[in-house]
Amino acid sequence: MAVTNGRMEHSIQGSSLADILDRILDKGIVIAGDVTISLVGVELLNIRLRLLVASVDKAIEMGINWWEADPYLTSQTKASSEQTELLQQRLERIEGLLAGQATKEQPL
């Protein structure tokens, strides 16, 4: 409770959806659960679910930054494909030179 202008206000009175989402993203929330499918006492399938809802800043603070190394989510994808193309062309030139030398060295 807070006292504002002589009257008491409960914290839930001023909460809107945006306030709630802001708090959740700022603090982070983890939802965990397990789903198990069994038949006659034999476990057939076990699924462990873990969900983290947090802002990017909070995730980085917690040490979660998998998107920084994912080439599909970074600008490294284009650079990587260009580099691969250059290496492929270079390899083809080298193989061509080696094939040319091999035919010169072998007598017919």
PDB file of N, CA and C in Angstrom:
ATOM      1  N   MET A   1       0.825  -1.174   0.000  1.00  0.00           N
ATOM      2  CA  MET A   1       0.000   0.000   0.000  1.00  0.00           C
ATOM      3  C   MET A   1       0.873   1.243   0.000  1.00  0.00           C
ATOM      4  N   ALA A   2       0.414   2.256  -0.675  1.00  0.00           N
ATOM      5  CA  ALA A   2       1.129   3.523  -0.727  1.00  0.00           C
ATOM      6  C   ALA A   2       0.186   4.643  -0.339  1.00  0.00           C
ATOM      7  N   VAL A   3       0.726   5.656   0.288  1.00  0.00           N
ATOM      8  CA  VAL A   3      -0.075   6.811   0.688  1.00  0.00           C
ATOM      9  C   VAL A   3       0.218   7.922  -0.297  1.00  0.00           C
ATOM     10  N   THR A   4      -0.819   8.367  -1.009  1.00  0.00           N
ATOM     11  CA  THR A   4      -0.679   9.431  -1.985  1.00  0.00           C
ATOM     12  C   THR A   4      -1.742  10.481  -1.708  1.00  0.00           C
ATOM     13  N   ASN A   5      -1.322  11.720  -1.481  1.00  0.00           N
ATOM     14  CA  ASN A   5      -2.242  12.835  -1.218  1.00  0.00           C
ATOM     15  C   ASN A   5      -3.221  12.518  -0.100  1.00  0.00           C
ATOM     16  N   GLY A   6      -2.738  11.876   0.937  1.00  0.00           N
ATOM     17  CA  GLY A   6      -3.580  11.611   2.091  1.00  0.00           C
ATOM     18  C   GLY A   6      -4.494  10.411   1.956  1.00  0.00           C
ATOM     19  N   ARG A   7      -4.482   9.706   0.837  1.00  0.00           N
ATOM     20  CA  ARG A   7      -5.334   8.522   0.724  1.00  0.00           C
ATOM     21  C   ARG A   7      -4.474   7.309   0.400  1.00  0.00           C
ATOM     22  N   MET A   8      -4.938   6.171   0.820  1.00  0.00           N
ATOM     23  CA  MET A   8      -4.190   4.929   0.632  1.00  0.00           C
ATOM     24  C   MET A   8      -4.605   4.274  -0.677  1.00  0.00           C
ATOM     25  N   GLU A   9      -3.615   3.793  -1.375  1.00  0.00           N
ATOM     26  CA  GLU A   9      -3.888   3.086  -2.624  1.00  0.00           C
ATOM     27  C   GLU A   9      -3.246   1.715  -2.552  1.00  0.00           C
ATOM     28  N   HIS A  10      -3.958   0.740  -3.018  1.00  0.00           N
ATOM     29  CA  HIS A  10      -3.405  -0.607  -3.115  1.00  0.00           C
ATOM     30  C   HIS A  10      -2.618  -0.704  -4.412  1.00  0.00           C
ATOM     31  N   SER A  11      -1.573  -1.513  -4.385  1.00  0.00           N
ATOM     32  CA  SER A  11      -0.705  -1.610  -5.559  1.00  0.00           C
ATOM     33  C   SER A  11      -1.423  -2.211  -6.763  1.00  0.00           C
ATOM     34  N   ILE A  12      -2.452  -3.022  -6.535  1.00  0.00           N
ATOM     35  CA  ILE A  12      -3.140  -3.642  -7.668  1.00  0.00           C
ATOM     36  C   ILE A  12      -4.124  -2.694  -8.341  1.00  0.00           C
ATOM     37  N   GLN A  13      -4.461  -1.592  -7.696  1.00  0.00           N
ATOM     38  CA  GLN A  13      -5.402  -0.663  -8.313  1.00  0.00           C
ATOM     39  C   GLN A  13      -4.801   0.014  -9.539  1.00  0.00           C
ATOM     40  N   GLY A  14      -3.520   0.353  -9.493  1.00  0.00           N
ATOM     41  CA  GLY A  14      -2.894   1.067 -10.596  1.00  0.00           C
ATOM     42  C   GLY A  14      -2.226   0.155 -11.607  1.00  0.00           C
ATOM     43  N   SER A  15      -2.418  -1.128 -11.504  1.00  0.00           N
ATOM     44  CA  SER A  15      -1.737  -2.058 -12.405  1.00  0.00           C
ATOM     45  C   SER A  15      -2.543  -2.269 -13.672  1.00  0.00           C
ATOM     46  N   SER A  16      -1.921  -1.999 -14.773  1.00  0.00           N
ATOM     47  CA  SER A  16      -2.532  -2.307 -16.060  1.00  0.00           C
ATOM     48  C   SER A  16      -1.769  -3.486 -16.654  1.00  0.00           C
ATOM     49  N   LEU A  17      -2.220  -3.950 -17.769  1.00  0.00           N
ATOM     50  CA  LEU A  17      -1.544  -5.064 -18.433  1.00  0.00           C
ATOM     51  C   LEU A  17      -0.103  -4.693 -18.771  1.00  0.00           C
ATOM     52  N   ALA A  18       0.105  -3.449 -19.192  1.00  0.00           N
ATOM     53  CA  ALA A  18       1.461  -3.004 -19.517  1.00  0.00           C
ATOM     54  C   ALA A  18       2.353  -3.023 -18.284  1.00  0.00           C
ATOM     55  N   ASP A  19       1.816  -2.620 -17.135  1.00  0.00           N
ATOM     56  CA  ASP A  19       2.595  -2.643 -15.892  1.00  0.00           C
ATOM     57  C   ASP A  19       2.972  -4.069 -15.509  1.00  0.00           C
ATOM     58  N   ILE A  20       2.020  -4.972 -15.642  1.00  0.00           N
ATOM     59  CA  ILE A  20       2.267  -6.374 -15.289  1.00  0.00           C
ATOM     60  C   ILE A  20       3.319  -6.980 -16.219  1.00  0.00           C
ATOM     61  N   LEU A  21       3.185  -6.739 -17.524  1.00  0.00           N
ATOM     62  CA  LEU A  21       4.174  -7.254 -18.476  1.00  0.00           C
ATOM     63  C   LEU A  21       5.552  -6.653 -18.226  1.00  0.00           C
ATOM     64  N   ASP A  22       5.576  -5.373 -17.880  1.00  0.00           N
ATOM     65  CA  ASP A  22       6.850  -4.725 -17.580  1.00  0.00           C
ATOM     66  C   ASP A  22       7.522  -5.381 -16.383  1.00  0.00           C
ATOM     67  N   ARG A  23       6.748  -5.682 -15.357  1.00  0.00           N
ATOM     68  CA  ARG A  23       7.300  -6.344 -14.173  1.00  0.00           C
ATOM     69  C   ARG A  23       7.798  -7.751 -14.497  1.00  0.00           C
ATOM     70  N   ILE A  24       7.015  -8.489 -15.285  1.00  0.00           N
ATOM     71  CA  ILE A  24       7.406  -9.862 -15.643  1.00  0.00           C
ATOM     72  C   ILE A  24       8.690  -9.850 -16.463  1.00  0.00           C
ATOM     73  N   LEU A  25       8.765  -8.964 -17.460  1.00  0.00           N
ATOM     74  CA  LEU A  25       9.957  -8.914 -18.298  1.00  0.00           C
ATOM     75  C   LEU A  25      11.165  -8.410 -17.526  1.00  0.00           C
ATOM     76  N   ASP A  26      10.935  -7.515 -16.572  1.00  0.00           N
ATOM     77  CA  ASP A  26      12.036  -6.979 -15.776  1.00  0.00           C
ATOM     78  C   ASP A  26      12.602  -8.023 -14.825  1.00  0.00           C
ATOM     79  N   LYS A  27      11.742  -8.777 -14.190  1.00  0.00           N
ATOM     80  CA  LYS A  27      12.177  -9.776 -13.210  1.00  0.00           C
ATOM     81  C   LYS A  27      12.442 -11.130 -13.861  1.00  0.00           C
ATOM     82  N   GLY A  28      11.649 -11.487 -14.864  1.00  0.00           N
ATOM     83  CA  GLY A  28      11.746 -12.805 -15.481  1.00  0.00           C
ATOM     84  C   GLY A  28      10.839 -13.785 -14.758  1.00  0.00           C
ATOM     85  N   ILE A  29      10.323 -14.738 -15.499  1.00  0.00           N
ATOM     86  CA  ILE A  29       9.459 -15.764 -14.919  1.00  0.00           C
ATOM     87  C   ILE A  29       9.804 -17.095 -15.580  1.00  0.00           C
ATOM     88  N   VAL A  30       9.841 -18.136 -14.789  1.00  0.00           N
ATOM     89  CA  VAL A  30      10.144 -19.473 -15.299  1.00  0.00           C
ATOM     90  C   VAL A  30       8.927 -20.352 -15.077  1.00  0.00           C
ATOM     91  N   ILE A  31       8.517 -21.036 -16.128  1.00  0.00           N
ATOM     92  CA  ILE A  31       7.413 -21.986 -16.043  1.00  0.00           C
ATOM     93  C   ILE A  31       7.997 -23.351 -16.389  1.00  0.00           C
ATOM     94  N   ALA A  32       7.813 -24.298 -15.499  1.00  0.00           N
ATOM     95  CA  ALA A  32       8.389 -25.629 -15.701  1.00  0.00           C
ATOM     96  C   ALA A  32       7.305 -26.682 -15.523  1.00  0.00           C
ATOM     97  N   GLY A  33       7.434 -27.757 -16.272  1.00  0.00           N
ATOM     98  CA  GLY A  33       6.475 -28.845 -16.144  1.00  0.00           C
ATOM     99  C   GLY A  33       6.990 -30.109 -16.802  1.00  0.00           C
ATOM    100  N   ASP A  34       6.440 -31.207 -16.394  1.00  0.00           N
ATOM    101  CA  ASP A  34       6.792 -32.509 -16.957  1.00  0.00           C
ATOM    102  C   ASP A  34       5.528 -33.196 -17.445  1.00  0.00           C
ATOM    103  N   VAL A  35       5.626 -33.818 -18.607  1.00  0.00           N
ATOM    104  CA  VAL A  35       4.524 -34.602 -19.152  1.00  0.00           C
ATOM    105  C   VAL A  35       5.042 -36.026 -19.327  1.00  0.00           C
ATOM    106  N   THR A  36       4.369 -36.977 -18.716  1.00  0.00           N
ATOM    107  CA  THR A  36       4.782 -38.374 -18.813  1.00  0.00           C
ATOM    108  C   THR A  36       3.613 -39.203 -19.316  1.00  0.00           C
ATOM    109  N   ILE A  37       3.885 -40.030 -20.309  1.00  0.00           N
ATOM    110  CA  ILE A  37       2.872 -40.947 -20.832  1.00  0.00           C
ATOM    111  C   ILE A  37       3.321 -42.358 -20.475  1.00  0.00           C
ATOM    112  N   SER A  38       2.483 -43.043 -19.718  1.00  0.00           N
ATOM    113  CA  SER A  38       2.794 -44.407 -19.279  1.00  0.00           C
ATOM    114  C   SER A  38       1.673 -45.342 -19.692  1.00  0.00           C
ATOM    115  N   LEU A  39       2.028 -46.584 -19.915  1.00  0.00           N
ATOM    116  CA  LEU A  39       1.052 -47.615 -20.242  1.00  0.00           C
ATOM    117  C   LEU A  39       1.390 -48.841 -19.406  1.00  0.00           C
ATOM    118  N   VAL A  40       0.478 -49.256 -18.571  1.00  0.00           N
ATOM    119  CA  VAL A  40       0.629 -50.403 -17.680  1.00  0.00           C
ATOM    120  C   VAL A  40       1.911 -50.260 -16.843  1.00  0.00           C
ATOM    121  N   GLY A  41       2.124 -49.074 -16.327  1.00  0.00           N
ATOM    122  CA  GLY A  41       3.273 -48.832 -15.464  1.00  0.00           C
ATOM    123  C   GLY A  41       4.602 -48.686 -16.179  1.00  0.00           C
ATOM    124  N   VAL A  42       4.587 -48.713 -17.520  1.00  0.00           N
ATOM    125  CA  VAL A  42       5.818 -48.559 -18.296  1.00  0.00           C
ATOM    126  C   VAL A  42       5.827 -47.152 -18.893  1.00  0.00           C
ATOM    127  N   GLU A  43       6.866 -46.411 -18.576  1.00  0.00           N
ATOM    128  CA  GLU A  43       6.977 -45.047 -19.080  1.00  0.00           C
ATOM    129  C   GLU A  43       7.340 -45.081 -20.561  1.00  0.00           C
ATOM    130  N   LEU A  44       6.447 -44.557 -21.399  1.00  0.00           N
ATOM    131  CA  LEU A  44       6.672 -44.553 -22.838  1.00  0.00           C
ATOM    132  C   LEU A  44       7.301 -43.254 -23.318  1.00  0.00           C
ATOM    133  N   LEU A  45       6.888 -42.155 -22.719  1.00  0.00           N
ATOM    134  CA  LEU A  45       7.346 -40.845 -23.172  1.00  0.00           C
ATOM    135  C   LEU A  45       7.417 -39.902 -21.989  1.00  0.00           C
ATOM    136  N   ASN A  46       8.512 -39.177 -21.903  1.00  0.00           N
ATOM    137  CA  ASN A  46       8.670 -38.187 -20.849  1.00  0.00           C
ATOM    138  C   ASN A  46       9.143 -36.892 -21.496  1.00  0.00           C
ATOM    139  N   ILE A  47       8.368 -35.835 -21.349  1.00  0.00           N
ATOM    140  CA  ILE A  47       8.709 -34.534 -21.922  1.00  0.00           C
ATOM    141  C   ILE A  47       8.888 -33.549 -20.778  1.00  0.00           C
ATOM    142  N   ARG A  48      10.053 -32.917 -20.739  1.00  0.00           N
ATOM    143  CA  ARG A  48      10.326 -31.910 -19.716  1.00  0.00           C
ATOM    144  C   ARG A  48      10.258 -30.545 -20.386  1.00  0.00           C
ATOM    145  N   LEU A  49       9.373 -29.702 -19.910  1.00  0.00           N
ATOM    146  CA  LEU A  49       9.175 -28.377 -20.481  1.00  0.00           C
ATOM    147  C   LEU A  49       9.747 -27.318 -19.549  1.00  0.00           C
ATOM    148  N   ARG A  50      10.505 -26.391 -20.111  1.00  0.00           N
ATOM    149  CA  ARG A  50      11.027 -25.259 -19.362  1.00  0.00           C
ATOM    150  C   ARG A  50      10.818 -24.017 -20.217  1.00  0.00           C
ATOM    151  N   LEU A  51      10.165 -23.024 -19.678  1.00  0.00           N
ATOM    152  CA  LEU A  51       9.883 -21.794 -20.407  1.00  0.00           C
ATOM    153  C   LEU A  51      10.358 -20.617 -19.582  1.00  0.00           C
ATOM    154  N   LEU A  52      11.157 -19.767 -20.194  1.00  0.00           N
ATOM    155  CA  LEU A  52      11.642 -18.563 -19.538  1.00  0.00           C
ATOM    156  C   LEU A  52      11.079 -17.370 -20.283  1.00  0.00           C
ATOM    157  N   VAL A  53      10.396 -16.496 -19.569  1.00  0.00           N
ATOM    158  CA  VAL A  53       9.881 -15.263 -20.145  1.00  0.00           C
ATOM    159  C   VAL A  53      10.615 -14.126 -19.454  1.00  0.00           C
ATOM    160  N   ALA A  54      11.419 -13.399 -20.228  1.00  0.00           N
ATOM    161  CA  ALA A  54      12.194 -12.292 -19.670  1.00  0.00           C
ATOM    162  C   ALA A  54      12.593 -11.355 -20.801  1.00  0.00           C
ATOM    163  N   SER A  55      13.014 -10.161 -20.431  1.00  0.00           N
ATOM    164  CA  SER A  55      13.509  -9.221 -21.432  1.00  0.00           C
ATOM    165  C   SER A  55      14.901  -9.667 -21.879  1.00  0.00           C
ATOM    166  N   VAL A  56      15.346  -9.139 -22.995  1.00  0.00           N
ATOM    167  CA  VAL A  56      16.670  -9.482 -23.504  1.00  0.00           C
ATOM    168  C   VAL A  56      17.735  -9.057 -22.501  1.00  0.00           C
ATOM    169  N   ASP A  57      17.563  -7.880 -21.911  1.00  0.00           N
ATOM    170  CA  ASP A  57      18.537  -7.406 -20.920  1.00  0.00           C
ATOM    171  C   ASP A  57      18.631  -8.359 -19.738  1.00  0.00           C
ATOM    172  N   LYS A  58      17.490  -8.819 -19.257  1.00  0.00           N
ATOM    173  CA  LYS A  58      17.476  -9.740 -18.116  1.00  0.00           C
ATOM    174  C   LYS A  58      18.096 -11.084 -18.514  1.00  0.00           C
ATOM    175  N   ALA A  59      17.801 -11.557 -19.725  1.00  0.00           N
ATOM    176  CA  ALA A  59      18.372 -12.825 -20.189  1.00  0.00           C
ATOM    177  C   ALA A  59      19.893 -12.731 -20.277  1.00  0.00           C
ATOM    178  N   ILE A  60      20.408 -11.627 -20.800  1.00  0.00           N
ATOM    179  CA  ILE A  60      21.858 -11.444 -20.883  1.00  0.00           C
ATOM    180  C   ILE A  60      22.454 -11.390 -19.486  1.00  0.00           C
ATOM    181  N   GLU A  61      21.762 -10.719 -18.572  1.00  0.00           N
ATOM    182  CA  GLU A  61      22.219 -10.651 -17.182  1.00  0.00           C
ATOM    183  C   GLU A  61      22.303 -12.043 -16.560  1.00  0.00           C
ATOM    184  N   MET A  62      21.396 -12.943 -16.967  1.00  0.00           N
ATOM    185  CA  MET A  62      21.376 -14.303 -16.438  1.00  0.00           C
ATOM    186  C   MET A  62      22.334 -15.223 -17.192  1.00  0.00           C
ATOM    187  N   GLY A  63      22.984 -14.712 -18.236  1.00  0.00           N
ATOM    188  CA  GLY A  63      23.953 -15.513 -18.979  1.00  0.00           C
ATOM    189  C   GLY A  63      23.360 -16.264 -20.151  1.00  0.00           C
ATOM    190  N   ILE A  64      22.172 -15.893 -20.567  1.00  0.00           N
ATOM    191  CA  ILE A  64      21.518 -16.549 -21.700  1.00  0.00           C
ATOM    192  C   ILE A  64      21.671 -15.636 -22.913  1.00  0.00           C
ATOM    193  N   ASN A  65      22.434 -16.073 -23.905  1.00  0.00           N
ATOM    194  CA  ASN A  65      22.653 -15.251 -25.099  1.00  0.00           C
ATOM    195  C   ASN A  65      22.836 -16.116 -26.345  1.00  0.00           C
ATOM    196  N   TRP A  66      22.058 -17.167 -26.484  1.00  0.00           N
ATOM    197  CA  TRP A  66      22.219 -18.105 -27.592  1.00  0.00           C
ATOM    198  C   TRP A  66      21.991 -17.451 -28.945  1.00  0.00           C
ATOM    199  N   TRP A  67      21.215 -16.390 -29.018  1.00  0.00           N
ATOM    200  CA  TRP A  67      20.906 -15.748 -30.290  1.00  0.00           C
ATOM    201  C   TRP A  67      22.117 -15.013 -30.858  1.00  0.00           C
ATOM    202  N   GLU A  68      23.106 -14.685 -30.019  1.00  0.00           N
ATOM    203  CA  GLU A  68      24.289 -13.981 -30.509  1.00  0.00           C
ATOM    204  C   GLU A  68      25.172 -14.889 -31.361  1.00  0.00           C
ATOM    205  N   ALA A  69      25.137 -16.187 -31.122  1.00  0.00           N
ATOM    206  CA  ALA A  69      25.967 -17.130 -31.870  1.00  0.00           C
ATOM    207  C   ALA A  69      25.204 -17.831 -32.988  1.00  0.00           C
ATOM    208  N   ASP A  70      23.900 -17.654 -33.060  1.00  0.00           N
ATOM    209  CA  ASP A  70      23.093 -18.320 -34.082  1.00  0.00           C
ATOM    210  C   ASP A  70      23.246 -17.577 -35.411  1.00  0.00           C
ATOM    211  N   PRO A  71      23.832 -18.216 -36.433  1.00  0.00           N
ATOM    212  CA  PRO A  71      24.076 -17.513 -37.691  1.00  0.00           C
ATOM    213  C   PRO A  71      22.797 -17.097 -38.413  1.00  0.00           C
ATOM    214  N   TYR A  72      21.690 -17.757 -38.151  1.00  0.00           N
ATOM    215  CA  TYR A  72      20.437 -17.393 -38.811  1.00  0.00           C
ATOM    216  C   TYR A  72      19.806 -16.148 -38.203  1.00  0.00           C
ATOM    217  N   LEU A  73      20.231 -15.768 -37.014  1.00  0.00           N
ATOM    218  CA  LEU A  73      19.667 -14.602 -36.342  1.00  0.00           C
ATOM    219  C   LEU A  73      20.620 -13.414 -36.318  1.00  0.00           C
ATOM    220  N   THR A  74      21.782 -13.553 -36.929  1.00  0.00           N
ATOM    221  CA  THR A  74      22.755 -12.468 -36.929  1.00  0.00           C
ATOM    222  C   THR A  74      23.143 -12.117 -38.355  1.00  0.00           C
ATOM    223  N   SER A  75      23.874 -11.045 -38.495  1.00  0.00           N
ATOM    224  CA  SER A  75      24.334 -10.627 -39.819  1.00  0.00           C
ATOM    225  C   SER A  75      25.497 -11.475 -40.304  1.00  0.00           C
ATOM    226  N   GLN A  76      25.970 -12.402 -39.484  1.00  0.00           N
ATOM    227  CA  GLN A  76      27.075 -13.271 -39.872  1.00  0.00           C
ATOM    228  C   GLN A  76      26.675 -14.237 -40.981  1.00  0.00           C
ATOM    229  N   THR A  77      25.385 -14.459 -41.173  1.00  0.00           N
ATOM    230  CA  THR A  77      24.922 -15.403 -42.187  1.00  0.00           C
ATOM    231  C   THR A  77      25.373 -14.978 -43.574  1.00  0.00           C
ATOM    232  N   LYS A  78      25.159 -13.710 -43.915  1.00  0.00           N
ATOM    233  CA  LYS A  78      25.531 -13.226 -45.239  1.00  0.00           C
ATOM    234  C   LYS A  78      27.043 -13.265 -45.413  1.00  0.00           C
ATOM    235  N   ALA A  79      27.776 -12.811 -44.406  1.00  0.00           N
ATOM    236  CA  ALA A  79      29.239 -12.826 -44.486  1.00  0.00           C
ATOM    237  C   ALA A  79      29.753 -14.253 -44.591  1.00  0.00           C
ATOM    238  N   SER A  80      29.133 -15.159 -43.870  1.00  0.00           N
ATOM    239  CA  SER A  80      29.553 -16.554 -43.893  1.00  0.00           C
ATOM    240  C   SER A  80      29.309 -17.172 -45.265  1.00  0.00           C
ATOM    241  N   SER A  81      28.163 -16.885 -45.889  1.00  0.00           N
ATOM    242  CA  SER A  81      27.882 -17.457 -47.204  1.00  0.00           C
ATOM    243  C   SER A  81      28.802 -16.859 -48.264  1.00  0.00           C
ATOM    244  N   GLU A  82      29.132 -15.570 -48.138  1.00  0.00           N
ATOM    245  CA  GLU A  82      30.075 -14.959 -49.078  1.00  0.00           C
ATOM    246  C   GLU A  82      31.461 -15.571 -48.919  1.00  0.00           C
ATOM    247  N   GLN A  83      31.868 -15.797 -47.691  1.00  0.00           N
ATOM    248  CA  GLN A  83      33.170 -16.403 -47.430  1.00  0.00           C
ATOM    249  C   GLN A  83      33.211 -17.834 -47.966  1.00  0.00           C
ATOM    250  N   THR A  84      32.130 -18.568 -47.807  1.00  0.00           N
ATOM    251  CA  THR A  84      32.056 -19.931 -48.324  1.00  0.00           C
ATOM    252  C   THR A  84      32.173 -19.931 -49.843  1.00  0.00           C
ATOM    253  N   GLU A  85      31.514 -18.990 -50.502  1.00  0.00           N
ATOM    254  CA  GLU A  85      31.582 -18.889 -51.962  1.00  0.00           C
ATOM    255  C   GLU A  85      33.008 -18.587 -52.427  1.00  0.00           C
ATOM    256  N   LEU A  86      33.687 -17.666 -51.739  1.00  0.00           N
ATOM    257  CA  LEU A  86      35.072 -17.344 -52.094  1.00  0.00           C
ATOM    258  C   LEU A  86      35.994 -18.543 -51.902  1.00  0.00           C
ATOM    259  N   LEU A  87      35.805 -19.261 -50.819  1.00  0.00           N
ATOM    260  CA  LEU A  87      36.617 -20.456 -50.575  1.00  0.00           C
ATOM    261  C   LEU A  87      36.355 -21.530 -51.625  1.00  0.00           C
ATOM    262  N   GLN A  88      35.099 -21.671 -52.037  1.00  0.00           N
ATOM    263  CA  GLN A  88      34.746 -22.651 -53.068  1.00  0.00           C
ATOM    264  C   GLN A  88      35.428 -22.305 -54.388  1.00  0.00           C
ATOM    265  N   GLN A  89      35.414 -21.027 -54.764  1.00  0.00           N
ATOM    266  CA  GLN A  89      36.074 -20.600 -56.004  1.00  0.00           C
ATOM    267  C   GLN A  89      37.583 -20.831 -55.925  1.00  0.00           C
ATOM    268  N   ARG A  90      38.156 -20.519 -54.790  1.00  0.00           N
ATOM    269  CA  ARG A  90      39.599 -20.715 -54.596  1.00  0.00           C
ATOM    270  C   ARG A  90      39.970 -22.193 -54.708  1.00  0.00           C
ATOM    271  N   LEU A  91      39.160 -23.049 -54.087  1.00  0.00           N
ATOM    272  CA  LEU A  91      39.405 -24.489 -54.146  1.00  0.00           C
ATOM    273  C   LEU A  91      39.310 -25.008 -55.574  1.00  0.00           C
ATOM    274  N   GLU A  92      38.336 -24.525 -56.336  1.00  0.00           N
ATOM    275  CA  GLU A  92      38.193 -24.954 -57.729  1.00  0.00           C
ATOM    276  C   GLU A  92      39.408 -24.536 -58.560  1.00  0.00           C
ATOM    277  N   ARG A  93      39.940 -23.320 -58.320  1.00  0.00           N
ATOM    278  CA  ARG A  93      41.143 -22.875 -59.036  1.00  0.00           C
ATOM    279  C   ARG A  93      42.337 -23.766 -58.701  1.00  0.00           C
ATOM    280  N   ILE A  94      42.506 -24.065 -57.417  1.00  0.00           N
ATOM    281  CA  ILE A  94      43.625 -24.918 -56.995  1.00  0.00           C
ATOM    282  C   ILE A  94      43.498 -26.311 -57.593  1.00  0.00           C
ATOM    283  N   GLU A  95      42.288 -26.873 -57.567  1.00  0.00           N
ATOM    284  CA  GLU A  95      42.084 -28.201 -58.150  1.00  0.00           C
ATOM    285  C   GLU A  95      42.348 -28.184 -59.649  1.00  0.00           C
ATOM    286  N   GLY A  96      41.962 -27.100 -60.314  1.00  0.00           N
ATOM    287  CA  GLY A  96      42.229 -26.975 -61.748  1.00  0.00           C
ATOM    288  C   GLY A  96      43.717 -26.925 -62.039  1.00  0.00           C
ATOM    289  N   LEU A  97      44.461 -26.171 -61.235  1.00  0.00           N
ATOM    290  CA  LEU A  97      45.915 -26.103 -61.412  1.00  0.00           C
ATOM    291  C   LEU A  97      46.562 -27.458 -61.169  1.00  0.00           C
ATOM    292  N   LEU A  98      46.127 -28.147 -60.135  1.00  0.00           N
ATOM    293  CA  LEU A  98      46.681 -29.469 -59.834  1.00  0.00           C
ATOM    294  C   LEU A  98      46.348 -30.475 -60.931  1.00  0.00           C
ATOM    295  N   ALA A  99      45.145 -30.400 -61.464  1.00  0.00           N
ATOM    296  CA  ALA A  99      44.760 -31.313 -62.549  1.00  0.00           C
ATOM    297  C   ALA A  99      45.597 -31.028 -63.793  1.00  0.00           C
ATOM    298  N   GLY A 100      45.888 -29.749 -64.065  1.00  0.00           N
ATOM    299  CA  GLY A 100      46.721 -29.375 -65.211  1.00  0.00           C
ATOM    300  C   GLY A 100      48.141 -29.866 -65.043  1.00  0.00           C
ATOM    301  N   GLN A 101      48.690 -29.782 -63.839  1.00  0.00           N
ATOM    302  CA  GLN A 101      50.044 -30.268 -63.584  1.00  0.00           C
ATOM    303  C   GLN A 101      50.113 -31.785 -63.706  1.00  0.00           C
ATOM    304  N   ALA A 102      49.077 -32.462 -63.253  1.00  0.00           N
ATOM    305  CA  ALA A 102      49.068 -33.928 -63.303  1.00  0.00           C
ATOM    306  C   ALA A 102      49.063 -34.418 -64.743  1.00  0.00           C
ATOM    307  N   THR A 103      48.352 -33.752 -65.638  1.00  0.00           N
ATOM    308  CA  THR A 103      48.317 -34.189 -67.039  1.00  0.00           C
ATOM    309  C   THR A 103      49.639 -33.893 -67.733  1.00  0.00           C
ATOM    310  N   LYS A 104      50.364 -32.833 -67.339  1.00  0.00           N
ATOM    311  CA  LYS A 104      51.665 -32.514 -67.934  1.00  0.00           C
ATOM    312  C   LYS A 104      52.728 -33.516 -67.503  1.00  0.00           C
ATOM    313  N   GLU A 105      52.641 -34.007 -66.287  1.00  0.00           N
ATOM    314  CA  GLU A 105      53.653 -34.912 -65.748  1.00  0.00           C
ATOM    315  C   GLU A 105      53.501 -36.338 -66.262  1.00  0.00           C
ATOM    316  N   GLN A 106      52.306 -36.760 -66.617  1.00  0.00           N
ATOM    317  CA  GLN A 106      52.079 -38.139 -67.055  1.00  0.00           C
ATOM    318  C   GLN A 106      52.308 -38.242 -68.565  1.00  0.00           C
ATOM    319  N   PRO A 107      53.247 -39.100 -68.968  1.00  0.00           N
ATOM    320  CA  PRO A 107      53.451 -39.295 -70.420  1.00  0.00           C
ATOM    321  C   PRO A 107      52.322 -40.150 -71.003  1.00  0.00           C
ATOM    322  N   LEU A 108      51.990 -39.862 -72.240  1.00  0.00           N
ATOM    323  CA  LEU A 108      50.922 -40.618 -72.897  1.00  0.00           C
ATOM    324  C   LEU A 108      51.440 -41.775 -73.639  1.00  0.00           C
TER     325      LEU A 108
END
